[in-house]
Amino acid sequence: MKHEAIAASLNSSGNAPQGGELAEGLTITEHEAEQVERANASSSPPVVFVHGLWLLPSSWDRWVTLFEEAGCVALTPGWPDDPETVSQAREHPEVFAGKGIGEIADYEEAIIHRLKRKPVIIGHSFGGLLTMILAGRGLAAASVAISPAPFRGVLPLPIPALRTASVALRNPANWNRAVPLSYEQFRYSFANVVGEDEAKELYLGYSVPGAGEPLFQAASANLNPWSEAQVNSTNPVRGPMLIVSADSDHTVPWAIANAAYEKQKRNQGVTEIVKMPGRGHSLTIDAGWRDVAEKALEFVGRFTTITARIA
């Protein structure tokens, strides 16, 4: 569960005052504060990893090792009230309930404001959508959105994506609930291209309940002009962006990722998309994670000081 929280307010300019205070009502964990302090004490470029729905920050552990070996300093902030471990998350699913896209994005922004330099931001699934939101706020030196959840203006609704989201959407009461995935649901939505043994290992090692609210927000984004699932894709200080799609992803099929790319490529900055063959939504955590991580690292290396150290 949460460590002792540290809280204060951002100044009117939107930049953290000396000491890195937070906006009113937002708190971060002691661990997250320590990560920020470590990043600020380092000369290495910071990289912020944003996890998605049904996962925890620990899903990035192997990525952290790879990126730090390449010369970065990594931060893995959670969403508000994230438990520390998968077992704690399963014991206390209620802590995930009632978390919307706006609140989560503001939480990640408050942490980023504590950094002395703009970070690279990398996110998966709803973390990919959050990455786009944060980049659209001008907070990213570069960004990588992996299988990003859809935002307002992204129109395709493939049947596999609807089937995945129906875990929550079939019951309106799930808006304010935490919604777990059964193994069968996880197998379909995340682990559809890996073997049975690996699928079970991934489910036991990573899958946690997820907030229902973001799924409803994303599903209704094109019907709600005030939706929190909105991205400023034309901000001239958005920074370079890579979108990574998995060709067999049931949760965020190619049609959704490519539609997001079509919106983002209007930006004056560099916008690229890559499709990973033979991969599903578990592409950041399954046995092929390194292929995806190296694609992200290669892209990031073109726009940061780690370029010469990637090899």
Protein backbone atom coordinates (compact mmCIF):
# COMPACT_ATOMS: atom_id res chain seq x y z
CA MET A 1 0.00 0.00 0.00
CA LYS A 2 0.99 3.66 0.00
CA HIS A 3 4.01 4.86 1.93
CA GLU A 4 3.86 8.15 3.80
CA ALA A 5 2.66 10.74 1.27
CA ILE A 6 4.29 14.02 0.38
CA ALA A 7 2.00 16.83 -0.78
CA ALA A 8 1.86 20.56 -1.51
CA SER A 9 0.80 22.80 -4.41
CA LEU A 10 2.16 23.74 -7.83
CA ASN A 11 2.84 27.40 -8.35
CA SER A 12 0.75 29.40 -10.80
CA SER A 13 3.21 28.89 -13.66
CA GLY A 14 2.63 25.14 -13.59
CA ASN A 15 6.23 24.40 -12.64
CA ALA A 16 7.13 22.78 -9.36
CA PRO A 17 8.62 25.21 -6.84
CA GLN A 18 11.93 24.40 -5.21
CA GLY A 19 11.46 21.08 -3.46
CA GLY A 20 8.94 19.82 -6.01
CA GLU A 21 5.56 20.39 -4.38
CA LEU A 22 2.38 18.91 -5.80
CA ALA A 23 -1.01 20.23 -6.74
CA GLU A 24 -3.53 20.42 -3.94
CA GLY A 25 -5.02 17.05 -3.08
CA LEU A 26 -2.39 15.04 -4.98
CA THR A 27 0.04 12.87 -3.07
CA ILE A 28 2.84 10.58 -4.16
CA THR A 29 4.57 7.77 -2.38
CA GLU A 30 7.88 8.00 -0.64
CA HIS A 31 9.24 5.58 -3.24
CA GLU A 32 8.12 7.83 -6.09
CA ALA A 33 9.66 10.85 -4.37
CA GLU A 34 12.92 8.94 -4.02
CA GLN A 35 12.86 8.10 -7.74
CA VAL A 36 12.42 11.78 -8.57
CA GLU A 37 15.27 12.75 -6.25
CA ARG A 38 17.51 10.13 -7.84
CA ALA A 39 16.65 11.35 -11.34
CA ASN A 40 17.33 14.97 -10.42
CA ALA A 41 20.71 14.04 -8.94
CA SER A 42 21.71 12.23 -12.13
CA SER A 43 23.09 13.63 -15.38
CA SER A 44 21.33 10.84 -17.30
CA PRO A 45 18.11 11.61 -19.21
CA PRO A 46 15.00 10.64 -17.21
CA VAL A 47 12.52 8.13 -18.60
CA VAL A 48 9.06 7.85 -17.04
CA PHE A 49 7.27 4.52 -17.57
CA VAL A 50 3.46 4.64 -17.25
CA HIS A 51 1.64 1.36 -16.75
CA GLY A 52 -1.78 0.52 -18.09
CA LEU A 53 -5.02 -0.95 -16.82
CA TRP A 54 -4.81 -4.33 -15.05
CA LEU A 55 -1.07 -3.93 -14.41
CA LEU A 56 1.25 -2.32 -11.83
CA PRO A 57 4.56 -0.39 -12.13
CA SER A 58 6.43 -3.66 -11.61
CA SER A 59 5.40 -4.63 -15.15
CA TRP A 60 8.24 -2.33 -16.29
CA ASP A 61 11.03 -3.87 -14.20
CA ARG A 62 12.91 -5.47 -17.11
CA TRP A 63 12.51 -2.33 -19.21
CA VAL A 64 14.03 -0.28 -16.40
CA THR A 65 17.14 -2.47 -16.39
CA LEU A 66 17.54 -2.24 -20.17
CA PHE A 67 17.07 1.53 -20.33
CA GLU A 68 19.36 2.21 -17.39
CA GLU A 69 22.06 0.05 -18.97
CA ALA A 70 21.65 2.30 -22.02
CA GLY A 71 22.33 5.42 -19.97
CA CYS A 72 18.92 6.56 -18.72
CA VAL A 73 17.55 7.03 -15.23
CA ALA A 74 14.12 5.40 -14.92
CA LEU A 75 11.01 6.28 -12.94
CA THR A 76 8.01 3.95 -12.60
CA PRO A 77 5.21 5.96 -10.97
CA GLY A 78 1.98 4.21 -10.15
CA TRP A 79 -1.56 5.42 -10.52
CA PRO A 80 -3.10 7.02 -7.42
CA ASP A 81 -3.31 4.49 -4.55
CA ASP A 82 -1.59 1.67 -6.44
CA PRO A 83 -0.60 -1.17 -4.11
CA GLU A 84 3.05 -2.14 -4.16
CA THR A 85 2.60 -5.79 -5.13
CA VAL A 86 0.30 -7.99 -7.17
CA SER A 87 -0.70 -9.95 -4.07
CA GLN A 88 -1.66 -6.75 -2.22
CA ALA A 89 -3.64 -5.60 -5.24
CA ARG A 90 -5.63 -8.81 -5.30
CA GLU A 91 -6.26 -8.63 -1.56
CA HIS A 92 -7.46 -5.00 -1.75
CA PRO A 93 -9.06 -4.48 -5.17
CA GLU A 94 -11.18 -1.63 -3.82
CA VAL A 95 -8.21 0.78 -3.95
CA PHE A 96 -8.43 0.86 -7.74
CA ALA A 97 -12.07 1.95 -7.83
CA GLY A 98 -13.10 5.47 -8.80
CA LYS A 99 -9.93 6.45 -10.64
CA GLY A 100 -10.60 8.35 -13.87
CA ILE A 101 -8.31 9.32 -16.74
CA GLY A 102 -8.09 12.96 -15.70
CA GLU A 103 -7.10 12.20 -12.12
CA ILE A 104 -4.48 9.69 -13.22
CA ALA A 105 -3.02 12.05 -15.84
CA ASP A 106 -2.83 14.87 -13.29
CA TYR A 107 -1.06 12.54 -10.86
CA GLU A 108 1.57 11.61 -13.45
CA GLU A 109 1.95 15.28 -14.42
CA ALA A 110 2.51 16.28 -10.80
CA ILE A 111 5.38 13.80 -10.59
CA ILE A 112 6.87 14.98 -13.88
CA HIS A 113 6.74 18.59 -12.66
CA ARG A 114 9.11 17.60 -9.87
CA LEU A 115 11.79 16.67 -12.42
CA LYS A 116 14.40 19.23 -13.39
CA ARG A 117 14.30 18.13 -17.04
CA LYS A 118 11.60 17.00 -19.43
CA PRO A 119 11.58 13.20 -19.44
CA VAL A 120 11.01 10.66 -22.12
CA ILE A 121 7.57 9.15 -21.40
CA ILE A 122 6.73 5.55 -22.32
CA GLY A 123 3.35 3.95 -21.68
CA HIS A 124 1.38 0.84 -22.52
CA SER A 125 -2.37 0.47 -23.13
CA PHE A 126 -4.13 3.09 -20.98
CA GLY A 127 -0.59 4.08 -20.06
CA GLY A 128 -0.12 4.72 -23.78
CA LEU A 129 -3.14 7.02 -23.78
CA LEU A 130 -1.79 8.76 -20.68
CA THR A 131 1.54 9.14 -22.47
CA MET A 132 -0.22 10.89 -25.35
CA ILE A 133 -2.12 13.14 -22.94
CA LEU A 134 1.07 14.09 -21.10
CA ALA A 135 2.99 14.67 -24.34
CA GLY A 136 0.08 16.80 -25.53
CA ARG A 137 0.52 18.93 -22.42
CA GLY A 138 4.10 19.59 -23.49
CA LEU A 139 5.69 17.46 -20.77
CA ALA A 140 7.72 14.99 -22.87
CA ALA A 141 11.13 15.29 -24.48
CA ALA A 142 10.00 12.30 -26.57
CA SER A 143 7.33 9.67 -26.09
CA VAL A 144 6.46 6.09 -26.97
CA ALA A 145 2.81 4.98 -26.82
CA ILE A 146 2.50 1.19 -26.96
CA SER A 147 -0.90 -0.23 -27.93
CA PRO A 148 -2.52 3.02 -26.72
CA ALA A 149 -6.13 3.07 -25.59
CA PRO A 150 -8.32 5.23 -27.85
CA PHE A 151 -8.99 8.92 -27.29
CA ARG A 152 -11.65 11.30 -28.59
CA GLY A 153 -11.44 11.39 -32.39
CA VAL A 154 -10.25 7.80 -32.75
CA LEU A 155 -13.27 6.18 -34.38
CA PRO A 156 -12.63 2.47 -35.10
CA LEU A 157 -14.28 0.03 -32.67
CA PRO A 158 -13.15 -3.47 -33.70
CA ILE A 159 -15.11 -6.36 -32.24
CA PRO A 160 -12.12 -7.80 -30.28
CA ALA A 161 -11.65 -4.44 -28.53
CA LEU A 162 -15.34 -4.27 -27.67
CA ARG A 163 -15.20 -7.81 -26.29
CA THR A 164 -12.27 -6.89 -24.06
CA ALA A 165 -13.90 -3.68 -22.80
CA SER A 166 -17.20 -5.48 -22.18
CA VAL A 167 -15.66 -6.97 -19.05
CA ALA A 168 -16.54 -3.64 -17.46
CA LEU A 169 -18.99 -2.01 -19.87
CA ARG A 170 -21.65 -4.70 -19.63
CA ASN A 171 -22.60 -3.43 -16.16
CA PRO A 172 -22.96 0.36 -15.66
CA ALA A 173 -22.27 -0.10 -11.95
CA ASN A 174 -18.69 -1.00 -12.86
CA TRP A 175 -17.98 2.70 -13.47
CA ASN A 176 -17.21 3.06 -9.75
CA ARG A 177 -15.79 -0.41 -9.22
CA ALA A 178 -12.52 -2.24 -9.63
CA VAL A 179 -12.90 -4.91 -12.30
CA PRO A 180 -10.60 -7.96 -12.28
CA LEU A 181 -9.92 -10.19 -15.25
CA SER A 182 -10.54 -13.91 -15.01
CA TYR A 183 -7.80 -16.07 -16.49
CA GLU A 184 -9.97 -16.70 -19.56
CA GLN A 185 -10.50 -12.96 -20.03
CA PHE A 186 -6.80 -12.27 -19.60
CA ARG A 187 -5.98 -15.04 -22.06
CA TYR A 188 -8.19 -13.38 -24.68
CA SER A 189 -7.34 -9.74 -24.07
CA PHE A 190 -3.63 -9.93 -23.22
CA ALA A 191 -2.12 -13.35 -23.81
CA ASN A 192 -3.80 -14.60 -26.99
CA VAL A 193 -0.57 -15.24 -28.92
CA VAL A 194 1.56 -16.90 -26.24
CA GLY A 195 1.46 -20.51 -25.10
CA GLU A 196 -0.76 -21.74 -22.30
CA ASP A 197 2.06 -22.06 -19.78
CA GLU A 198 3.33 -18.55 -20.41
CA ALA A 199 -0.20 -17.14 -20.33
CA LYS A 200 -0.76 -18.63 -16.88
CA GLU A 201 2.60 -17.31 -15.69
CA LEU A 202 1.79 -13.82 -16.93
CA TYR A 203 -1.65 -13.89 -15.33
CA LEU A 204 -0.32 -14.94 -11.95
CA GLY A 205 2.66 -12.59 -12.10
CA TYR A 206 1.11 -9.40 -13.44
CA SER A 207 -2.70 -9.25 -13.66
CA VAL A 208 -4.46 -7.10 -11.05
CA PRO A 209 -7.96 -5.56 -10.85
CA GLY A 210 -8.42 -2.37 -12.86
CA ALA A 211 -10.55 0.74 -12.47
CA GLY A 212 -13.73 0.52 -14.51
CA GLU A 213 -14.06 4.27 -15.03
CA PRO A 214 -11.34 4.70 -17.71
CA LEU A 215 -12.98 2.05 -19.88
CA PHE A 216 -16.30 3.89 -19.77
CA GLN A 217 -14.54 7.19 -20.46
CA ALA A 218 -12.71 5.85 -23.50
CA ALA A 219 -15.83 4.10 -24.82
CA SER A 220 -17.91 7.30 -24.63
CA ALA A 221 -15.19 9.76 -25.67
CA ASN A 222 -16.64 10.46 -29.11
CA LEU A 223 -20.06 11.16 -27.60
CA ASN A 224 -18.81 13.52 -24.89
CA PRO A 225 -17.19 16.83 -25.89
CA TRP A 226 -15.87 17.18 -22.33
CA SER A 227 -14.41 13.69 -22.15
CA GLU A 228 -11.24 13.25 -20.11
CA ALA A 229 -10.04 10.91 -22.87
CA GLN A 230 -8.84 13.84 -24.98
CA VAL A 231 -5.39 14.45 -26.44
CA ASN A 232 -3.89 17.70 -27.72
CA SER A 233 -2.26 16.09 -30.72
CA THR A 234 -1.26 19.37 -32.41
CA ASN A 235 0.66 21.00 -29.55
CA PRO A 236 3.90 22.21 -31.22
CA VAL A 237 5.91 21.25 -28.13
CA ARG A 238 4.50 17.72 -28.00
CA GLY A 239 7.90 16.27 -28.95
CA PRO A 240 8.75 13.25 -31.11
CA MET A 241 6.32 10.35 -30.72
CA LEU A 242 6.44 6.68 -31.63
CA ILE A 243 3.28 4.55 -31.61
CA VAL A 244 3.84 0.80 -31.30
CA SER A 245 1.10 -1.61 -32.32
CA ALA A 246 0.85 -5.39 -32.04
CA ASP A 247 -0.58 -7.06 -35.12
CA SER A 248 -2.64 -9.60 -33.14
CA ASP A 249 -3.71 -7.31 -30.28
CA HIS A 250 -7.31 -7.94 -29.19
CA THR A 251 -7.44 -5.03 -26.74
CA VAL A 252 -6.00 -2.33 -29.01
CA PRO A 253 -6.12 -3.70 -32.57
CA TRP A 254 -4.12 -2.12 -35.38
CA ALA A 255 -7.16 -0.12 -36.54
CA ILE A 256 -7.21 1.80 -33.24
CA ALA A 257 -3.46 2.37 -33.08
CA ASN A 258 -3.32 3.48 -36.71
CA ALA A 259 -6.25 5.85 -36.23
CA ALA A 260 -4.37 7.40 -33.30
CA TYR A 261 -1.33 7.75 -35.57
CA GLU A 262 -3.43 9.49 -38.22
CA LYS A 263 -4.46 12.06 -35.62
CA GLN A 264 -0.98 12.46 -34.16
CA LYS A 265 0.86 12.82 -37.46
CA ARG A 266 -0.75 16.24 -37.94
CA ASN A 267 1.71 17.44 -35.32
CA GLN A 268 4.71 19.36 -36.64
CA GLY A 269 7.00 17.06 -34.68
CA VAL A 270 8.22 13.61 -35.67
CA THR A 271 5.45 10.99 -35.49
CA GLU A 272 6.08 7.36 -36.38
CA ILE A 273 4.25 4.06 -36.07
CA VAL A 274 5.53 0.49 -36.09
CA LYS A 275 3.61 -2.79 -36.11
CA MET A 276 5.14 -5.69 -34.19
CA PRO A 277 4.42 -8.99 -36.00
CA GLY A 278 3.02 -11.96 -34.12
CA ARG A 279 2.38 -10.00 -30.93
CA GLY A 280 -0.61 -9.45 -28.65
CA HIS A 281 -1.42 -6.97 -25.91
CA SER A 282 1.08 -8.61 -23.55
CA LEU A 283 3.94 -7.41 -25.76
CA THR A 284 5.55 -5.39 -22.94
CA ILE A 285 5.59 -8.24 -20.41
CA ASP A 286 5.80 -11.51 -22.33
CA ALA A 287 8.91 -13.34 -23.53
CA GLY A 288 9.26 -10.99 -26.52
CA TRP A 289 9.32 -7.80 -24.42
CA ARG A 290 12.93 -7.02 -25.35
CA ASP A 291 12.13 -6.67 -29.07
CA VAL A 292 9.57 -4.00 -28.21
CA ALA A 293 11.82 -2.30 -25.67
CA GLU A 294 14.67 -2.09 -28.16
CA LYS A 295 12.36 -0.50 -30.76
CA ALA A 296 11.42 2.11 -28.16
CA LEU A 297 15.04 2.57 -27.10
CA GLU A 298 16.17 3.02 -30.69
CA PHE A 299 13.55 5.71 -31.26
CA VAL A 300 14.29 7.51 -28.01
CA GLY A 301 18.01 7.36 -28.75
CA ARG A 302 17.53 9.49 -31.85
CA PHE A 303 16.30 12.40 -29.75
CA THR A 304 18.22 12.17 -26.47
CA THR A 305 21.81 12.03 -25.25
CA ILE A 306 21.67 8.24 -24.86
CA THR A 307 22.15 7.73 -28.61
CA ALA A 308 25.79 6.76 -28.41
CA ARG A 309 25.18 4.40 -25.51
CA ILE A 310 22.37 2.25 -26.92
CA ALA A 311 24.73 -0.37 -28.32
